[in-house]
Amino acid sequence: MKILSGKWSFYINGTLIALFIMLSLYLFDDTLGMSDGMLAVSEFVRDSTEAGEIKAPPTLNWQLGLLGGILIGALASAIISGSWKIQFAPKDSGGIVAGIWKPIVQGVGGGFLVMLGLQIAGDSFWGQWSAAIQLSSGAWIFIISMFIVASAASILLDRHHEKGKGGE
């Protein structure tokens, strides 16, 4: 299992991602993205809320299957790495109430930011990557902007972390 737990070269990662995107275009005649699945789920919740009763769930298609696969894959990855555990309140949370509400607020806030980013970008990162392979100028602008912002954030966080270490 060394191949699964070791670091992979970005050349291998990039090649596998490109092959995966081409395979998805061949199999589904569409690029992989989370926005279609999330849109179907949010429309189901909206319709059920407006009607005051639970309506028929959305039909299970590959987009909803992808969302389920992401959940199952993330859980499997956490279990395999040994970092997954059930924890009701973190040790440094300051009490049970703060320990329960803080992750809820962070999860809802993070979900809102993901949703906002998907709406601004028009699709998920996979969709943007797929569009860039097809030479979409909008996708290239998004990906270049993302790398610039991510690099700047990484540098700032690294400097902040190094400054914090020096003061200990």
C-alpha atoms as a PDB file:
ATOM      1  CA  MET A   1       0.000   0.000   0.000  1.00  0.00           C
ATOM      2  CA  LYS A   2       3.047   2.253  -0.242  1.00  0.00           C
ATOM      3  CA  ILE A   3       1.776   3.557  -3.595  1.00  0.00           C
ATOM      4  CA  LEU A   4      -1.444   4.804  -1.959  1.00  0.00           C
ATOM      5  CA  SER A   5       0.185   6.434   1.067  1.00  0.00           C
ATOM      6  CA  GLY A   6       3.307   7.860  -0.599  1.00  0.00           C
ATOM      7  CA  LYS A   7       3.593  11.194  -2.372  1.00  0.00           C
ATOM      8  CA  TRP A   8       2.903  11.238  -6.088  1.00  0.00           C
ATOM      9  CA  SER A   9       4.659  13.423  -8.607  1.00  0.00           C
ATOM     10  CA  PHE A  10       2.518  16.224  -9.984  1.00  0.00           C
ATOM     11  CA  TYR A  11       3.312  14.876 -13.455  1.00  0.00           C
ATOM     12  CA  ILE A  12       1.521  11.631 -12.607  1.00  0.00           C
ATOM     13  CA  ASN A  13      -1.363  13.497 -10.942  1.00  0.00           C
ATOM     14  CA  GLY A  14      -1.850  15.803 -13.909  1.00  0.00           C
ATOM     15  CA  THR A  15      -1.741  12.954 -16.392  1.00  0.00           C
ATOM     16  CA  LEU A  16      -4.239  10.889 -14.399  1.00  0.00           C
ATOM     17  CA  ILE A  17      -6.599  13.855 -14.019  1.00  0.00           C
ATOM     18  CA  ALA A  18      -6.498  14.540 -17.775  1.00  0.00           C
ATOM     19  CA  LEU A  19      -7.154  10.862 -18.551  1.00  0.00           C
ATOM     20  CA  PHE A  20      -9.973  10.785 -15.998  1.00  0.00           C
ATOM     21  CA  ILE A  21     -11.595  13.851 -17.563  1.00  0.00           C
ATOM     22  CA  MET A  22     -11.326  12.356 -21.055  1.00  0.00           C
ATOM     23  CA  LEU A  23     -12.857   9.116 -19.767  1.00  0.00           C
ATOM     24  CA  SER A  24     -15.771  11.049 -18.228  1.00  0.00           C
ATOM     25  CA  LEU A  25     -16.332  12.888 -21.514  1.00  0.00           C
ATOM     26  CA  TYR A  26     -16.368   9.553 -23.342  1.00  0.00           C
ATOM     27  CA  LEU A  27     -18.637   7.740 -20.860  1.00  0.00           C
ATOM     28  CA  PHE A  28     -21.091  10.503 -19.888  1.00  0.00           C
ATOM     29  CA  ASP A  29     -20.751  12.956 -22.775  1.00  0.00           C
ATOM     30  CA  ASP A  30     -20.330  15.557 -20.058  1.00  0.00           C
ATOM     31  CA  THR A  31     -17.615  16.759 -17.741  1.00  0.00           C
ATOM     32  CA  LEU A  32     -17.541  15.815 -14.103  1.00  0.00           C
ATOM     33  CA  GLY A  33     -18.820  18.467 -11.747  1.00  0.00           C
ATOM     34  CA  MET A  34     -20.638  18.702  -8.458  1.00  0.00           C
ATOM     35  CA  SER A  35     -22.925  21.586  -9.331  1.00  0.00           C
ATOM     36  CA  ASP A  36     -25.549  19.525 -11.203  1.00  0.00           C
ATOM     37  CA  GLY A  37     -25.903  17.077  -8.317  1.00  0.00           C
ATOM     38  CA  MET A  38     -26.026  19.855  -5.738  1.00  0.00           C
ATOM     39  CA  LEU A  39     -28.583  21.712  -7.838  1.00  0.00           C
ATOM     40  CA  ALA A  40     -30.829  18.614  -7.972  1.00  0.00           C
ATOM     41  CA  VAL A  41     -30.603  18.142  -4.201  1.00  0.00           C
ATOM     42  CA  SER A  42     -31.248  21.832  -3.449  1.00  0.00           C
ATOM     43  CA  GLU A  43     -34.270  21.889  -5.797  1.00  0.00           C
ATOM     44  CA  PHE A  44     -35.652  18.803  -4.028  1.00  0.00           C
ATOM     45  CA  VAL A  45     -35.223  20.468  -0.627  1.00  0.00           C
ATOM     46  CA  ARG A  46     -36.781  23.719  -1.884  1.00  0.00           C
ATOM     47  CA  ASP A  47     -39.790  21.969  -3.417  1.00  0.00           C
ATOM     48  CA  SER A  48     -40.326  19.836  -0.318  1.00  0.00           C
ATOM     49  CA  THR A  49     -40.053  22.867   1.953  1.00  0.00           C
ATOM     50  CA  GLU A  50     -42.510  24.907  -0.103  1.00  0.00           C
ATOM     51  CA  ALA A  51     -45.024  22.036  -0.230  1.00  0.00           C
ATOM     52  CA  GLY A  52     -44.659  21.267   3.481  1.00  0.00           C
ATOM     53  CA  GLU A  53     -44.181  17.571   2.749  1.00  0.00           C
ATOM     54  CA  ILE A  54     -41.417  15.368   1.450  1.00  0.00           C
ATOM     55  CA  LYS A  55     -41.837  14.971  -2.283  1.00  0.00           C
ATOM     56  CA  ALA A  56     -40.379  12.224  -4.447  1.00  0.00           C
ATOM     57  CA  PRO A  57     -36.589  12.360  -4.283  1.00  0.00           C
ATOM     58  CA  PRO A  58     -34.630  13.305  -7.391  1.00  0.00           C
ATOM     59  CA  THR A  59     -33.843  10.471  -9.762  1.00  0.00           C
ATOM     60  CA  LEU A  60     -30.549   8.796  -9.071  1.00  0.00           C
ATOM     61  CA  ASN A  61     -28.200   9.628 -11.917  1.00  0.00           C
ATOM     62  CA  TRP A  62     -24.434   9.792 -12.231  1.00  0.00           C
ATOM     63  CA  GLN A  63     -24.254  13.332 -10.824  1.00  0.00           C
ATOM     64  CA  LEU A  64     -25.941  12.301  -7.563  1.00  0.00           C
ATOM     65  CA  GLY A  65     -23.844   9.137  -7.590  1.00  0.00           C
ATOM     66  CA  LEU A  66     -20.743  11.311  -7.840  1.00  0.00           C
ATOM     67  CA  LEU A  67     -21.784  13.228  -4.697  1.00  0.00           C
ATOM     68  CA  GLY A  68     -22.299   9.942  -2.847  1.00  0.00           C
ATOM     69  CA  GLY A  69     -18.974   8.674  -4.143  1.00  0.00           C
ATOM     70  CA  ILE A  70     -17.209  11.777  -2.847  1.00  0.00           C
ATOM     71  CA  LEU A  71     -18.704  11.192   0.609  1.00  0.00           C
ATOM     72  CA  ILE A  72     -17.826   7.488   0.628  1.00  0.00           C
ATOM     73  CA  GLY A  73     -14.334   8.136  -0.789  1.00  0.00           C
ATOM     74  CA  ALA A  74     -13.576  10.823   1.786  1.00  0.00           C
ATOM     75  CA  LEU A  75     -14.738   8.575   4.620  1.00  0.00           C
ATOM     76  CA  ALA A  76     -12.732   5.624   3.276  1.00  0.00           C
ATOM     77  CA  SER A  77      -9.648   7.811   2.896  1.00  0.00           C
ATOM     78  CA  ALA A  78      -9.943   9.074   6.471  1.00  0.00           C
ATOM     79  CA  ILE A  79     -10.407   5.536   7.817  1.00  0.00           C
ATOM     80  CA  ILE A  80      -7.480   4.136   5.786  1.00  0.00           C
ATOM     81  CA  SER A  81      -5.189   6.978   6.910  1.00  0.00           C
ATOM     82  CA  GLY A  82      -6.148   6.371  10.549  1.00  0.00           C
ATOM     83  CA  SER A  83      -7.163  10.000  11.133  1.00  0.00           C
ATOM     84  CA  TRP A  84     -10.935   9.381  11.450  1.00  0.00           C
ATOM     85  CA  LYS A  85     -12.534   9.205  14.871  1.00  0.00           C
ATOM     86  CA  ILE A  86     -15.873  10.022  16.433  1.00  0.00           C
ATOM     87  CA  GLN A  87     -15.433  13.078  18.593  1.00  0.00           C
ATOM     88  CA  PHE A  88     -18.274  15.009  20.205  1.00  0.00           C
ATOM     89  CA  ALA A  89     -16.200  17.941  21.416  1.00  0.00           C
ATOM     90  CA  PRO A  90     -12.563  18.772  20.623  1.00  0.00           C
ATOM     91  CA  LYS A  91     -10.216  18.823  23.607  1.00  0.00           C
ATOM     92  CA  ASP A  92      -9.510  22.551  23.325  1.00  0.00           C
ATOM     93  CA  SER A  93     -13.108  23.588  22.548  1.00  0.00           C
ATOM     94  CA  GLY A  94     -13.875  25.304  25.849  1.00  0.00           C
ATOM     95  CA  GLY A  95     -16.831  23.107  26.780  1.00  0.00           C
ATOM     96  CA  ILE A  96     -19.432  20.863  25.258  1.00  0.00           C
ATOM     97  CA  VAL A  97     -21.740  23.618  24.004  1.00  0.00           C
ATOM     98  CA  ALA A  98     -18.920  25.460  22.243  1.00  0.00           C
ATOM     99  CA  GLY A  99     -17.526  22.137  21.017  1.00  0.00           C
ATOM    100  CA  ILE A 100     -20.837  21.180  19.413  1.00  0.00           C
ATOM    101  CA  TRP A 101     -21.798  24.548  17.903  1.00  0.00           C
ATOM    102  CA  LYS A 102     -18.402  25.553  16.543  1.00  0.00           C
ATOM    103  CA  PRO A 103     -18.147  22.643  14.031  1.00  0.00           C
ATOM    104  CA  ILE A 104     -21.769  23.179  12.997  1.00  0.00           C
ATOM    105  CA  VAL A 105     -21.181  26.869  12.293  1.00  0.00           C
ATOM    106  CA  GLN A 106     -17.906  26.084  10.528  1.00  0.00           C
ATOM    107  CA  GLY A 107     -19.543  23.348   8.432  1.00  0.00           C
ATOM    108  CA  VAL A 108     -22.493  25.514   7.399  1.00  0.00           C
ATOM    109  CA  GLY A 109     -20.196  28.486   6.737  1.00  0.00           C
ATOM    110  CA  GLY A 110     -17.792  26.343   4.715  1.00  0.00           C
ATOM    111  CA  GLY A 111     -20.683  24.851   2.757  1.00  0.00           C
ATOM    112  CA  PHE A 112     -21.999  28.332   2.022  1.00  0.00           C
ATOM    113  CA  LEU A 113     -18.578  29.440   0.772  1.00  0.00           C
ATOM    114  CA  VAL A 114     -18.308  26.343  -1.453  1.00  0.00           C
ATOM    115  CA  MET A 115     -21.785  27.038  -2.838  1.00  0.00           C
ATOM    116  CA  LEU A 116     -20.918  30.690  -3.424  1.00  0.00           C
ATOM    117  CA  GLY A 117     -17.678  29.741  -5.171  1.00  0.00           C
ATOM    118  CA  LEU A 118     -19.496  27.223  -7.369  1.00  0.00           C
ATOM    119  CA  GLN A 119     -22.060  29.847  -8.335  1.00  0.00           C
ATOM    120  CA  ILE A 120     -19.395  32.443  -9.152  1.00  0.00           C
ATOM    121  CA  ALA A 121     -17.251  29.959 -11.095  1.00  0.00           C
ATOM    122  CA  GLY A 122     -20.236  28.397 -12.830  1.00  0.00           C
ATOM    123  CA  ASP A 123     -19.142  24.867 -11.923  1.00  0.00           C
ATOM    124  CA  SER A 124     -16.878  22.915  -9.645  1.00  0.00           C
ATOM    125  CA  PHE A 125     -13.119  22.696 -10.012  1.00  0.00           C
ATOM    126  CA  TRP A 126     -13.499  19.491 -12.036  1.00  0.00           C
ATOM    127  CA  GLY A 127     -15.816  21.255 -14.434  1.00  0.00           C
ATOM    128  CA  GLN A 128     -13.420  24.172 -14.785  1.00  0.00           C
ATOM    129  CA  TRP A 129     -10.480  21.810 -15.300  1.00  0.00           C
ATOM    130  CA  SER A 130     -12.437  19.904 -17.942  1.00  0.00           C
ATOM    131  CA  ALA A 131     -13.362  23.145 -19.689  1.00  0.00           C
ATOM    132  CA  ALA A 132      -9.698  24.230 -19.624  1.00  0.00           C
ATOM    133  CA  ILE A 133      -8.695  21.005 -21.354  1.00  0.00           C
ATOM    134  CA  GLN A 134     -11.253  21.946 -24.024  1.00  0.00           C
ATOM    135  CA  LEU A 135      -9.524  25.381 -24.276  1.00  0.00           C
ATOM    136  CA  SER A 136     -12.257  27.485 -22.653  1.00  0.00           C
ATOM    137  CA  SER A 137     -10.867  30.977 -22.022  1.00  0.00           C
ATOM    138  CA  GLY A 138     -13.128  31.494 -18.977  1.00  0.00           C
ATOM    139  CA  ALA A 139     -11.854  28.314 -17.383  1.00  0.00           C
ATOM    140  CA  TRP A 140      -8.237  29.328 -17.986  1.00  0.00           C
ATOM    141  CA  ILE A 141      -8.881  32.723 -16.371  1.00  0.00           C
ATOM    142  CA  PHE A 142     -10.470  30.959 -13.377  1.00  0.00           C
ATOM    143  CA  ILE A 143      -7.630  28.445 -12.981  1.00  0.00           C
ATOM    144  CA  ILE A 144      -4.868  31.059 -13.346  1.00  0.00           C
ATOM    145  CA  SER A 145      -6.651  33.324 -10.848  1.00  0.00           C
ATOM    146  CA  MET A 146      -7.082  30.397  -8.457  1.00  0.00           C
ATOM    147  CA  PHE A 147      -3.377  29.538  -8.594  1.00  0.00           C
ATOM    148  CA  ILE A 148      -2.369  33.172  -8.025  1.00  0.00           C
ATOM    149  CA  VAL A 149      -4.711  33.573  -5.047  1.00  0.00           C
ATOM    150  CA  ALA A 150      -3.782  30.150  -3.621  1.00  0.00           C
ATOM    151  CA  SER A 151      -0.062  30.911  -3.948  1.00  0.00           C
ATOM    152  CA  ALA A 152      -0.458  34.279  -2.236  1.00  0.00           C
ATOM    153  CA  ALA A 153      -2.540  32.735   0.555  1.00  0.00           C
ATOM    154  CA  SER A 154      -0.002  29.935   0.999  1.00  0.00           C
ATOM    155  CA  ILE A 155       2.881  32.406   1.261  1.00  0.00           C
ATOM    156  CA  LEU A 156       0.995  34.581   3.755  1.00  0.00           C
ATOM    157  CA  LEU A 157      -0.030  31.610   5.900  1.00  0.00           C
ATOM    158  CA  ASP A 158       3.514  30.221   5.834  1.00  0.00           C
ATOM    159  CA  ARG A 159       4.946  33.563   6.937  1.00  0.00           C
ATOM    160  CA  HIS A 160       2.318  33.831   9.683  1.00  0.00           C
ATOM    161  CA  HIS A 161       3.131  30.295  10.838  1.00  0.00           C
ATOM    162  CA  GLU A 162       6.889  30.984  10.846  1.00  0.00           C
ATOM    163  CA  LYS A 163       6.339  34.220  12.786  1.00  0.00           C
ATOM    164  CA  GLY A 164       4.295  32.307  15.359  1.00  0.00           C
ATOM    165  CA  LYS A 165       7.038  29.709  15.776  1.00  0.00           C
ATOM    166  CA  GLY A 166       9.683  32.358  16.414  1.00  0.00           C
ATOM    167  CA  GLY A 167       7.694  33.873  19.283  1.00  0.00           C
ATOM    168  CA  GLU A 168       7.384  30.600  21.256  1.00  0.00           C
END
